[in-house]
């Protein structure tokens, strides 16, 4: 699965600007129940065409390179 985020904690009020607490909850859940992987690892899994055992691989992507991704999202991703 690929999760696509646009903004995290930028305070814009936009529906695509996820509150930091919600993003943190999602990252905690993913770390516990899934297996975050790089895009290359995710593509390799798809190319292998075999079912996974254990936690499913997850790729996390961001639509734009805004500062909030480094300031808000990255610390949560590193922590989890």
Protein backbone atom coordinates (compact mmCIF):
# COMPACT_ATOMS: atom_id res chain seq x y z
CA UNK A 1 0.00 0.00 0.00
CA UNK A 2 1.11 3.56 -0.68
CA UNK A 3 0.03 6.37 1.65
CA UNK A 4 0.09 9.86 0.14
CA UNK A 5 0.26 12.96 2.33
CA UNK A 6 0.12 16.57 1.21
CA UNK A 7 0.71 18.70 4.33
CA UNK A 8 1.27 17.90 8.02
CA UNK A 9 0.77 20.48 10.75
CA UNK A 10 1.12 23.57 8.57
CA UNK A 11 -1.98 25.13 10.14
CA UNK A 12 -3.52 26.09 6.81
CA UNK A 13 -7.01 24.85 7.69
CA UNK A 14 -7.10 22.91 4.44
CA UNK A 15 -8.56 19.40 4.48
CA UNK A 16 -5.26 18.10 3.05
CA UNK A 17 -3.31 19.60 5.98
CA UNK A 18 -3.29 16.79 8.55
CA UNK A 19 -2.93 17.78 12.23
CA UNK A 20 0.39 16.65 13.71
CA UNK A 21 -1.34 14.57 16.41
CA UNK A 22 -3.31 12.63 13.79
CA UNK A 23 -0.18 12.02 11.70
CA UNK A 24 1.65 10.83 14.82
CA UNK A 25 -1.19 8.39 15.62
CA UNK A 26 -1.06 7.05 12.07
CA UNK A 27 2.72 6.59 12.16
CA UNK A 28 2.47 4.80 15.54
CA UNK A 29 -0.19 2.45 14.14
CA UNK A 30 1.88 1.75 11.01
CA UNK A 31 4.99 1.01 13.06
CA UNK A 32 3.05 -1.46 15.19
CA UNK A 33 0.92 -3.19 12.54
CA UNK A 34 2.60 -2.71 9.17
CA UNK A 35 6.14 -2.47 7.78
CA UNK A 36 7.16 0.97 6.45
CA UNK A 37 9.53 0.54 3.50
CA UNK A 38 11.23 2.68 0.88
CA UNK A 39 9.61 3.10 -2.52
CA UNK A 40 12.21 0.79 -4.06
CA UNK A 41 11.46 -1.91 -1.48
CA UNK A 42 7.73 -1.52 -2.09
CA UNK A 43 8.21 -1.86 -5.85
CA UNK A 44 10.37 -4.94 -5.35
CA UNK A 45 7.60 -6.48 -3.27
CA UNK A 46 5.07 -5.82 -6.05
CA UNK A 47 7.47 -7.17 -8.70
CA UNK A 48 7.95 -10.37 -6.69
CA UNK A 49 4.24 -11.17 -7.18
CA UNK A 50 4.07 -13.31 -4.08
CA UNK A 51 1.95 -12.85 -0.99
CA UNK A 52 3.65 -11.42 2.07
CA UNK A 53 3.75 -13.10 5.40
CA UNK A 54 3.77 -10.91 8.49
CA UNK A 55 3.31 -7.16 8.43
CA UNK A 56 2.45 -5.71 5.03
CA UNK A 57 4.88 -3.25 3.43
CA UNK A 58 3.76 0.40 3.39
CA UNK A 59 5.28 3.25 1.41
CA UNK A 60 4.75 6.78 2.75
CA UNK A 61 4.94 9.60 0.20
CA UNK A 62 4.48 13.37 0.26
CA UNK A 63 2.99 15.39 -2.57
CA UNK A 64 5.05 18.57 -2.14
CA UNK A 65 8.35 19.45 -0.53
CA UNK A 66 6.99 21.98 1.95
CA UNK A 67 8.86 22.91 5.13
CA UNK A 68 6.19 21.36 7.38
CA UNK A 69 7.16 17.92 6.13
CA UNK A 70 10.68 18.33 7.51
CA UNK A 71 9.63 20.27 10.61
CA UNK A 72 6.50 18.28 11.55
CA UNK A 73 6.31 14.93 9.72
CA UNK A 74 9.94 13.81 9.70
CA UNK A 75 10.39 13.84 13.52
CA UNK A 76 7.29 11.61 13.91
CA UNK A 77 8.50 9.23 11.22
CA UNK A 78 11.94 8.95 12.82
CA UNK A 79 10.44 8.41 16.27
CA UNK A 80 8.28 5.53 15.02
